[in-house]
């Protein structure tokens, strides 16, 4: 089985809009999924620059799925979907 990749945007906009709260994923994910999921912070995913006025920060990418207005719950739900594939 391929590992699920989780990339949390830590760019300024995402950080201010709540990605700092997503840091708990670093503890939750290994406890819940073991080594099936890799979580990392990235300097910027560049997603809010696509349409700054209607930005839905913070952003997280789970494999190739973009999660807008990301929360821990939304990210965990997408990880579950990805692992079920």
Protein backbone atom coordinates (compact mmCIF):
# COMPACT_ATOMS: atom_id res chain seq x y z
CA UNK A 1 0.00 0.00 0.00
CA UNK A 2 1.22 3.45 -0.89
CA UNK A 3 1.72 5.94 1.92
CA UNK A 4 -0.67 8.87 2.16
CA UNK A 5 1.12 12.22 1.94
CA UNK A 6 -0.23 15.14 3.99
CA UNK A 7 1.23 18.57 3.31
CA UNK A 8 0.18 21.40 5.63
CA UNK A 9 0.74 24.86 4.16
CA UNK A 10 2.68 27.05 6.58
CA UNK A 11 2.74 30.14 4.37
CA UNK A 12 1.89 33.43 6.05
CA UNK A 13 -1.78 33.53 5.02
CA UNK A 14 -2.44 29.91 5.93
CA UNK A 15 -0.55 30.21 9.19
CA UNK A 16 -2.52 33.31 10.23
CA UNK A 17 -5.80 31.69 9.10
CA UNK A 18 -5.29 28.62 11.25
CA UNK A 19 -2.66 26.19 9.98
CA UNK A 20 -0.85 26.67 13.28
CA UNK A 21 -3.79 24.79 14.84
CA UNK A 22 -3.14 21.88 12.47
CA UNK A 23 0.22 21.12 14.09
CA UNK A 24 -1.55 18.65 16.37
CA UNK A 25 -1.75 16.38 13.29
CA UNK A 26 1.92 15.63 13.89
CA UNK A 27 0.92 13.80 17.09
CA UNK A 28 -2.51 12.48 16.07
CA UNK A 29 -1.60 10.94 12.71
CA UNK A 30 1.20 8.59 13.84
CA UNK A 31 -0.88 7.45 16.82
CA UNK A 32 -3.92 6.73 14.62
CA UNK A 33 -2.36 5.51 11.36
CA UNK A 34 1.16 4.37 12.23
CA UNK A 35 3.53 4.60 9.29
CA UNK A 36 0.78 4.65 6.62
CA UNK A 37 0.73 8.46 6.55
CA UNK A 38 3.49 11.08 6.25
CA UNK A 39 2.71 14.57 7.58
CA UNK A 40 4.90 17.53 6.74
CA UNK A 41 4.72 21.29 6.77
CA UNK A 42 5.58 23.09 3.55
CA UNK A 43 6.58 26.75 3.18
CA UNK A 44 3.70 27.50 0.78
CA UNK A 45 1.38 25.52 -1.48
CA UNK A 46 0.69 28.66 -3.56
CA UNK A 47 -3.07 28.06 -3.51
CA UNK A 48 -4.26 31.36 -2.04
CA UNK A 49 -2.46 33.26 -4.81
CA UNK A 50 -4.82 31.71 -7.37
CA UNK A 51 -7.70 33.85 -6.11
CA UNK A 52 -6.52 35.96 -3.21
CA UNK A 53 -9.85 37.78 -2.70
CA UNK A 54 -11.71 34.50 -2.11
CA UNK A 55 -8.91 32.59 -0.41
CA UNK A 56 -10.07 29.60 1.62
CA UNK A 57 -6.95 29.33 3.78
CA UNK A 58 -5.63 27.34 5.49
CA UNK A 59 -4.90 24.73 2.84
CA UNK A 60 -3.75 21.13 3.23
CA UNK A 61 -3.01 18.63 0.47
CA UNK A 62 -3.75 14.97 1.16
CA UNK A 63 -2.12 13.18 -1.75
CA UNK A 64 -3.55 15.27 -4.62
CA UNK A 65 -6.76 16.37 -2.87
CA UNK A 66 -6.77 20.00 -1.73
CA UNK A 67 -8.64 20.71 1.49
CA UNK A 68 -9.83 24.30 1.78
CA UNK A 69 -10.48 25.91 5.17
CA UNK A 70 -8.72 22.88 6.61
CA UNK A 71 -9.43 21.59 10.08
CA UNK A 72 -8.03 18.55 11.85
CA UNK A 73 -11.37 16.80 11.34
CA UNK A 74 -11.45 17.51 7.59
CA UNK A 75 -7.87 16.28 7.17
CA UNK A 76 -8.50 13.07 9.13
CA UNK A 77 -11.65 12.40 7.06
CA UNK A 78 -9.68 12.77 3.82
CA UNK A 79 -6.90 10.51 5.12
CA UNK A 80 -9.55 7.87 5.86
CA UNK A 81 -10.91 8.23 2.29
CA UNK A 82 -7.44 7.93 0.79
CA UNK A 83 -6.61 4.83 2.84
CA UNK A 84 -9.90 3.19 1.82
CA UNK A 85 -8.99 3.39 -1.89
